[in-house]
Amino acid sequence: MRRAGRYREDGPRYAYFPVRPTDQARDDVLAHVVQTYFSGSAEQAVNALLRMSDTKLSDAELNRLREKIRRARQTER
């Protein structure tokens, strides 16, 4: 069952607000995309993102990604 969003009246308009927090909705959608289009492979999804990126990653961004990968490896053990 789909829940209706919250809203408030703003004159003749309605302003709608999401029912779920944005972070939760984003995580759910991303998990669905990875499962559907990349057969559940995070590696393939990351490779696709890197290929389509039209900007270079800064050293700081690369370092943050390395740290997240390092932490993910530790959690697997």
PDB file of N, CA and C in Angstrom:
ATOM      1  N   MET A   1       0.844  -1.180   0.000  1.00  0.00           N
ATOM      2  CA  MET A   1       0.000   0.000   0.000  1.00  0.00           C
ATOM      3  C   MET A   1       0.883   1.235   0.000  1.00  0.00           C
ATOM      4  N   ARG A   2       0.629   2.136  -0.892  1.00  0.00           N
ATOM      5  CA  ARG A   2       1.419   3.357  -1.005  1.00  0.00           C
ATOM      6  C   ARG A   2       0.852   4.414  -0.076  1.00  0.00           C
ATOM      7  N   ARG A   3       1.743   4.986   0.733  1.00  0.00           N
ATOM      8  CA  ARG A   3       1.296   6.023   1.665  1.00  0.00           C
ATOM      9  C   ARG A   3       1.380   7.376   0.976  1.00  0.00           C
ATOM     10  N   ALA A   4       0.396   8.177   1.200  1.00  0.00           N
ATOM     11  CA  ALA A   4       0.401   9.524   0.631  1.00  0.00           C
ATOM     12  C   ALA A   4       1.401  10.396   1.388  1.00  0.00           C
ATOM     13  N   GLY A   5       2.003  11.316   0.684  1.00  0.00           N
ATOM     14  CA  GLY A   5       2.950  12.235   1.309  1.00  0.00           C
ATOM     15  C   GLY A   5       2.228  13.254   2.172  1.00  0.00           C
ATOM     16  N   ARG A   6       2.979  13.859   3.045  1.00  0.00           N
ATOM     17  CA  ARG A   6       2.418  14.939   3.850  1.00  0.00           C
ATOM     18  C   ARG A   6       2.392  16.203   3.000  1.00  0.00           C
ATOM     19  N   TYR A   7       1.484  17.082   3.294  1.00  0.00           N
ATOM     20  CA  TYR A   7       1.419  18.320   2.529  1.00  0.00           C
ATOM     21  C   TYR A   7       0.830  19.430   3.392  1.00  0.00           C
ATOM     22  N   ARG A   8       1.039  20.638   2.904  1.00  0.00           N
ATOM     23  CA  ARG A   8       0.364  21.780   3.531  1.00  0.00           C
ATOM     24  C   ARG A   8      -0.139  22.674   2.411  1.00  0.00           C
ATOM     25  N   GLU A   9      -1.196  23.351   2.678  1.00  0.00           N
ATOM     26  CA  GLU A   9      -1.751  24.250   1.672  1.00  0.00           C
ATOM     27  C   GLU A   9      -0.959  25.547   1.682  1.00  0.00           C
ATOM     28  N   ASP A  10      -0.671  26.046   0.487  1.00  0.00           N
ATOM     29  CA  ASP A  10       0.050  27.309   0.319  1.00  0.00           C
ATOM     30  C   ASP A  10      -0.743  28.130  -0.679  1.00  0.00           C
ATOM     31  N   GLY A  11      -1.782  28.781  -0.178  1.00  0.00           N
ATOM     32  CA  GLY A  11      -2.683  29.488  -1.087  1.00  0.00           C
ATOM     33  C   GLY A  11      -3.400  28.465  -1.953  1.00  0.00           C
ATOM     34  N   PRO A  12      -3.393  28.670  -3.270  1.00  0.00           N
ATOM     35  CA  PRO A  12      -4.062  27.715  -4.160  1.00  0.00           C
ATOM     36  C   PRO A  12      -3.222  26.463  -4.449  1.00  0.00           C
ATOM     37  N   ARG A  13      -2.015  26.414  -3.890  1.00  0.00           N
ATOM     38  CA  ARG A  13      -1.106  25.282  -4.154  1.00  0.00           C
ATOM     39  C   ARG A  13      -0.991  24.388  -2.931  1.00  0.00           C
ATOM     40  N   TYR A  14      -0.459  23.204  -3.167  1.00  0.00           N
ATOM     41  CA  TYR A  14      -0.136  22.279  -2.096  1.00  0.00           C
ATOM     42  C   TYR A  14       1.367  22.072  -2.120  1.00  0.00           C
ATOM     43  N   ALA A  15       2.005  22.150  -0.956  1.00  0.00           N
ATOM     44  CA  ALA A  15       3.435  21.849  -0.835  1.00  0.00           C
ATOM     45  C   ALA A  15       3.537  20.468  -0.209  1.00  0.00           C
ATOM     46  N   TYR A  16       4.131  19.518  -0.970  1.00  0.00           N
ATOM     47  CA  TYR A  16       4.242  18.132  -0.509  1.00  0.00           C
ATOM     48  C   TYR A  16       5.603  17.873   0.120  1.00  0.00           C
ATOM     49  N   PHE A  17       5.626  17.006   1.111  1.00  0.00           N
ATOM     50  CA  PHE A  17       6.841  16.636   1.818  1.00  0.00           C
ATOM     51  C   PHE A  17       6.979  15.116   1.771  1.00  0.00           C
ATOM     52  N   PRO A  18       8.193  14.625   1.658  1.00  0.00           N
ATOM     53  CA  PRO A  18       8.368  13.174   1.580  1.00  0.00           C
ATOM     54  C   PRO A  18       7.969  12.486   2.886  1.00  0.00           C
ATOM     55  N   VAL A  19       7.496  11.242   2.747  1.00  0.00           N
ATOM     56  CA  VAL A  19       7.107  10.456   3.909  1.00  0.00           C
ATOM     57  C   VAL A  19       8.351   9.862   4.571  1.00  0.00           C
ATOM     58  N   ARG A  20       9.316   9.440   3.738  1.00  0.00           N
ATOM     59  CA  ARG A  20      10.552   8.835   4.251  1.00  0.00           C
ATOM     60  C   ARG A  20      11.684   9.839   4.157  1.00  0.00           C
ATOM     61  N   PRO A  21      12.655   9.718   5.048  1.00  0.00           N
ATOM     62  CA  PRO A  21      13.827  10.598   4.970  1.00  0.00           C
ATOM     63  C   PRO A  21      14.560  10.392   3.641  1.00  0.00           C
ATOM     64  N   THR A  22      15.118  11.458   3.103  1.00  0.00           N
ATOM     65  CA  THR A  22      15.808  11.416   1.817  1.00  0.00           C
ATOM     66  C   THR A  22      16.936  10.389   1.809  1.00  0.00           C
ATOM     67  N   ASP A  23      17.721  10.319   2.879  1.00  0.00           N
ATOM     68  CA  ASP A  23      18.828   9.358   2.930  1.00  0.00           C
ATOM     69  C   ASP A  23      18.332   7.925   2.775  1.00  0.00           C
ATOM     70  N   GLN A  24      17.246   7.596   3.438  1.00  0.00           N
ATOM     71  CA  GLN A  24      16.697   6.244   3.364  1.00  0.00           C
ATOM     72  C   GLN A  24      16.178   5.963   1.952  1.00  0.00           C
ATOM     73  N   ALA A  25      15.463   6.910   1.373  1.00  0.00           N
ATOM     74  CA  ALA A  25      14.937   6.725   0.021  1.00  0.00           C
ATOM     75  C   ALA A  25      16.078   6.585  -0.979  1.00  0.00           C
ATOM     76  N   ARG A  26      17.113   7.391  -0.839  1.00  0.00           N
ATOM     77  CA  ARG A  26      18.269   7.331  -1.745  1.00  0.00           C
ATOM     78  C   ARG A  26      18.964   5.980  -1.641  1.00  0.00           C
ATOM     79  N   ASP A  27      19.160   5.485  -0.430  1.00  0.00           N
ATOM     80  CA  ASP A  27      19.797   4.181  -0.238  1.00  0.00           C
ATOM     81  C   ASP A  27      18.972   3.061  -0.865  1.00  0.00           C
ATOM     82  N   ASP A  28      17.658   3.111  -0.675  1.00  0.00           N
ATOM     83  CA  ASP A  28      16.787   2.081  -1.234  1.00  0.00           C
ATOM     84  C   ASP A  28      16.816   2.101  -2.764  1.00  0.00           C
ATOM     85  N   VAL A  29      16.761   3.284  -3.350  1.00  0.00           N
ATOM     86  CA  VAL A  29      16.780   3.398  -4.808  1.00  0.00           C
ATOM     87  C   VAL A  29      18.122   2.942  -5.362  1.00  0.00           C
ATOM     88  N   LEU A  30      19.204   3.345  -4.729  1.00  0.00           N
ATOM     89  CA  LEU A  30      20.535   2.937  -5.198  1.00  0.00           C
ATOM     90  C   LEU A  30      20.703   1.427  -5.107  1.00  0.00           C
ATOM     91  N   ALA A  31      20.249   0.818  -4.019  1.00  0.00           N
ATOM     92  CA  ALA A  31      20.324  -0.636  -3.881  1.00  0.00           C
ATOM     93  C   ALA A  31      19.541  -1.312  -5.000  1.00  0.00           C
ATOM     94  N   HIS A  32      18.392  -0.762  -5.343  1.00  0.00           N
ATOM     95  CA  HIS A  32      17.577  -1.317  -6.429  1.00  0.00           C
ATOM     96  C   HIS A  32      18.306  -1.191  -7.772  1.00  0.00           C
ATOM     97  N   VAL A  33      18.915  -0.044  -8.029  1.00  0.00           N
ATOM     98  CA  VAL A  33      19.648   0.164  -9.282  1.00  0.00           C
ATOM     99  C   VAL A  33      20.828  -0.799  -9.376  1.00  0.00           C
ATOM    100  N   VAL A  34      21.597  -0.933  -8.298  1.00  0.00           N
ATOM    101  CA  VAL A  34      22.750  -1.840  -8.305  1.00  0.00           C
ATOM    102  C   VAL A  34      22.281  -3.272  -8.548  1.00  0.00           C
ATOM    103  N   GLN A  35      21.210  -3.689  -7.901  1.00  0.00           N
ATOM    104  CA  GLN A  35      20.705  -5.043  -8.075  1.00  0.00           C
ATOM    105  C   GLN A  35      20.169  -5.253  -9.498  1.00  0.00           C
ATOM    106  N   THR A  36      19.425  -4.290 -10.004  1.00  0.00           N
ATOM    107  CA  THR A  36      18.756  -4.442 -11.291  1.00  0.00           C
ATOM    108  C   THR A  36      19.705  -4.313 -12.474  1.00  0.00           C
ATOM    109  N   TYR A  37      20.560  -3.302 -12.447  1.00  0.00           N
ATOM    110  CA  TYR A  37      21.370  -3.000 -13.629  1.00  0.00           C
ATOM    111  C   TYR A  37      22.803  -3.523 -13.557  1.00  0.00           C
ATOM    112  N   PHE A  38      23.240  -3.906 -12.359  1.00  0.00           N
ATOM    113  CA  PHE A  38      24.624  -4.359 -12.198  1.00  0.00           C
ATOM    114  C   PHE A  38      24.698  -5.727 -11.525  1.00  0.00           C
ATOM    115  N   SER A  39      23.603  -6.462 -11.557  1.00  0.00           N
ATOM    116  CA  SER A  39      23.537  -7.809 -10.973  1.00  0.00           C
ATOM    117  C   SER A  39      24.055  -7.839  -9.537  1.00  0.00           C
ATOM    118  N   GLY A  40      23.801  -6.790  -8.794  1.00  0.00           N
ATOM    119  CA  GLY A  40      24.207  -6.728  -7.397  1.00  0.00           C
ATOM    120  C   GLY A  40      25.672  -6.394  -7.178  1.00  0.00           C
ATOM    121  N   SER A  41      26.410  -6.068  -8.247  1.00  0.00           N
ATOM    122  CA  SER A  41      27.842  -5.802  -8.131  1.00  0.00           C
ATOM    123  C   SER A  41      28.123  -4.321  -7.880  1.00  0.00           C
ATOM    124  N   ALA A  42      28.563  -4.018  -6.659  1.00  0.00           N
ATOM    125  CA  ALA A  42      28.937  -2.642  -6.334  1.00  0.00           C
ATOM    126  C   ALA A  42      30.130  -2.210  -7.180  1.00  0.00           C
ATOM    127  N   GLU A  43      31.037  -3.157  -7.451  1.00  0.00           N
ATOM    128  CA  GLU A  43      32.215  -2.838  -8.264  1.00  0.00           C
ATOM    129  C   GLU A  43      31.803  -2.359  -9.651  1.00  0.00           C
ATOM    130  N   GLN A  44      30.884  -3.062 -10.298  1.00  0.00           N
ATOM    131  CA  GLN A  44      30.431  -2.651 -11.629  1.00  0.00           C
ATOM    132  C   GLN A  44      29.732  -1.295 -11.578  1.00  0.00           C
ATOM    133  N   ALA A  45      28.964  -1.057 -10.528  1.00  0.00           N
ATOM    134  CA  ALA A  45      28.263   0.222 -10.391  1.00  0.00           C
ATOM    135  C   ALA A  45      29.254   1.374 -10.217  1.00  0.00           C
ATOM    136  N   VAL A  46      30.273   1.166  -9.382  1.00  0.00           N
ATOM    137  CA  VAL A  46      31.289   2.210  -9.168  1.00  0.00           C
ATOM    138  C   VAL A  46      32.059   2.460 -10.456  1.00  0.00           C
ATOM    139  N   ASN A  47      32.412   1.379 -11.178  1.00  0.00           N
ATOM    140  CA  ASN A  47      33.104   1.554 -12.458  1.00  0.00           C
ATOM    141  C   ASN A  47      32.274   2.377 -13.433  1.00  0.00           C
ATOM    142  N   ALA A  48      30.973   2.128 -13.484  1.00  0.00           N
ATOM    143  CA  ALA A  48      30.100   2.886 -14.374  1.00  0.00           C
ATOM    144  C   ALA A  48      30.070   4.363 -13.968  1.00  0.00           C
ATOM    145  N   LEU A  49      30.008   4.631 -12.675  1.00  0.00           N
ATOM    146  CA  LEU A  49      30.012   6.019 -12.200  1.00  0.00           C
ATOM    147  C   LEU A  49      31.319   6.729 -12.564  1.00  0.00           C
ATOM    148  N   LEU A  50      32.428   6.018 -12.409  1.00  0.00           N
ATOM    149  CA  LEU A  50      33.723   6.622 -12.733  1.00  0.00           C
ATOM    150  C   LEU A  50      33.863   6.870 -14.234  1.00  0.00           C
ATOM    151  N   ARG A  51      33.338   5.960 -15.056  1.00  0.00           N
ATOM    152  CA  ARG A  51      33.402   6.138 -16.509  1.00  0.00           C
ATOM    153  C   ARG A  51      32.580   7.334 -16.962  1.00  0.00           C
ATOM    154  N   MET A  52      31.430   7.540 -16.348  1.00  0.00           N
ATOM    155  CA  MET A  52      30.549   8.612 -16.803  1.00  0.00           C
ATOM    156  C   MET A  52      30.896   9.970 -16.202  1.00  0.00           C
ATOM    157  N   SER A  53      31.792   9.987 -15.235  1.00  0.00           N
ATOM    158  CA  SER A  53      32.177  11.239 -14.588  1.00  0.00           C
ATOM    159  C   SER A  53      32.963  12.104 -15.572  1.00  0.00           C
ATOM    160  N   ASP A  54      32.497  13.316 -15.782  1.00  0.00           N
ATOM    161  CA  ASP A  54      33.194  14.200 -16.714  1.00  0.00           C
ATOM    162  C   ASP A  54      34.212  15.089 -16.014  1.00  0.00           C
ATOM    163  N   THR A  55      34.350  14.907 -14.721  1.00  0.00           N
ATOM    164  CA  THR A  55      35.345  15.685 -13.979  1.00  0.00           C
ATOM    165  C   THR A  55      36.320  14.734 -13.311  1.00  0.00           C
ATOM    166  N   LYS A  56      37.494  15.218 -13.087  1.00  0.00           N
ATOM    167  CA  LYS A  56      38.505  14.421 -12.389  1.00  0.00           C
ATOM    168  C   LYS A  56      38.229  14.493 -10.891  1.00  0.00           C
ATOM    169  N   LEU A  57      38.515  13.382 -10.217  1.00  0.00           N
ATOM    170  CA  LEU A  57      38.377  13.369  -8.765  1.00  0.00           C
ATOM    171  C   LEU A  57      39.595  14.052  -8.150  1.00  0.00           C
ATOM    172  N   SER A  58      39.345  14.860  -7.155  1.00  0.00           N
ATOM    173  CA  SER A  58      40.448  15.535  -6.468  1.00  0.00           C
ATOM    174  C   SER A  58      41.177  14.531  -5.580  1.00  0.00           C
ATOM    175  N   ASP A  59      42.361  14.896  -5.135  1.00  0.00           N
ATOM    176  CA  ASP A  59      43.113  14.037  -4.216  1.00  0.00           C
ATOM    177  C   ASP A  59      42.319  13.788  -2.938  1.00  0.00           C
ATOM    178  N   ALA A  60      41.628  14.808  -2.460  1.00  0.00           N
ATOM    179  CA  ALA A  60      40.830  14.661  -1.238  1.00  0.00           C
ATOM    180  C   ALA A  60      39.692  13.656  -1.459  1.00  0.00           C
ATOM    181  N   GLU A  61      39.024  13.735  -2.609  1.00  0.00           N
ATOM    182  CA  GLU A  61      37.945  12.789  -2.907  1.00  0.00           C
ATOM    183  C   GLU A  61      38.483  11.362  -3.023  1.00  0.00           C
ATOM    184  N   LEU A  62      39.601  11.208  -3.703  1.00  0.00           N
ATOM    185  CA  LEU A  62      40.218   9.882  -3.824  1.00  0.00           C
ATOM    186  C   LEU A  62      40.601   9.328  -2.458  1.00  0.00           C
ATOM    187  N   ASN A  63      41.137  10.177  -1.610  1.00  0.00           N
ATOM    188  CA  ASN A  63      41.515   9.732  -0.260  1.00  0.00           C
ATOM    189  C   ASN A  63      40.296   9.304   0.547  1.00  0.00           C
ATOM    190  N   ARG A  64      39.184  10.045   0.429  1.00  0.00           N
ATOM    191  CA  ARG A  64      37.958   9.667   1.134  1.00  0.00           C
ATOM    192  C   ARG A  64      37.441   8.328   0.620  1.00  0.00           C
ATOM    193  N   LEU A  65      37.496   8.116  -0.690  1.00  0.00           N
ATOM    194  CA  LEU A  65      37.060   6.837  -1.254  1.00  0.00           C
ATOM    195  C   LEU A  65      37.952   5.693  -0.777  1.00  0.00           C
ATOM    196  N   ARG A  66      39.250   5.923  -0.763  1.00  0.00           N
ATOM    197  CA  ARG A  66      40.174   4.889  -0.262  1.00  0.00           C
ATOM    198  C   ARG A  66      39.853   4.520   1.184  1.00  0.00           C
ATOM    199  N   GLU A  67      39.569   5.525   1.991  1.00  0.00           N
ATOM    200  CA  GLU A  67      39.258   5.288   3.405  1.00  0.00           C
ATOM    201  C   GLU A  67      37.958   4.495   3.534  1.00  0.00           C
ATOM    202  N   LYS A  68      36.967   4.808   2.731  1.00  0.00           N
ATOM    203  CA  LYS A  68      35.703   4.065   2.784  1.00  0.00           C
ATOM    204  C   LYS A  68      35.903   2.623   2.350  1.00  0.00           C
ATOM    205  N   ILE A  69      36.739   2.400   1.350  1.00  0.00           N
ATOM    206  CA  ILE A  69      37.044   1.034   0.910  1.00  0.00           C
ATOM    207  C   ILE A  69      37.776   0.285   2.012  1.00  0.00           C
ATOM    208  N   ARG A  70      38.728   0.948   2.653  1.00  0.00           N
ATOM    209  CA  ARG A  70      39.478   0.318   3.744  1.00  0.00           C
ATOM    210  C   ARG A  70      38.530  -0.097   4.866  1.00  0.00           C
ATOM    211  N   ARG A  71      37.603   0.802   5.231  1.00  0.00           N
ATOM    212  CA  ARG A  71      36.652   0.487   6.303  1.00  0.00           C
ATOM    213  C   ARG A  71      35.710  -0.648   5.896  1.00  0.00           C
ATOM    214  N   ALA A  72      35.305  -0.670   4.635  1.00  0.00           N
ATOM    215  CA  ALA A  72      34.420  -1.736   4.158  1.00  0.00           C
ATOM    216  C   ALA A  72      35.139  -3.080   4.226  1.00  0.00           C
ATOM    217  N   ARG A  73      36.425  -3.095   3.914  1.00  0.00           N
ATOM    218  CA  ARG A  73      37.193  -4.328   4.010  1.00  0.00           C
ATOM    219  C   ARG A  73      37.271  -4.821   5.453  1.00  0.00           C
ATOM    220  N   GLN A  74      37.456  -3.903   6.382  1.00  0.00           N
ATOM    221  CA  GLN A  74      37.544  -4.289   7.792  1.00  0.00           C
ATOM    222  C   GLN A  74      36.233  -4.862   8.299  1.00  0.00           C
ATOM    223  N   THR A  75      35.127  -4.331   7.822  1.00  0.00           N
ATOM    224  CA  THR A  75      33.823  -4.822   8.271  1.00  0.00           C
ATOM    225  C   THR A  75      33.546  -6.218   7.736  1.00  0.00           C
ATOM    226  N   GLU A  76      34.137  -6.554   6.594  1.00  0.00           N
ATOM    227  CA  GLU A  76      33.927  -7.882   6.018  1.00  0.00           C
ATOM    228  C   GLU A  76      34.623  -8.964   6.835  1.00  0.00           C
ATOM    229  N   ARG A  77      35.698  -8.616   7.491  1.00  0.00           N
ATOM    230  CA  ARG A  77      36.502  -9.621   8.216  1.00  0.00           C
ATOM    231  C   ARG A  77      35.882 -10.033   9.501  1.00  0.00           C
TER     232      ARG A  77
END
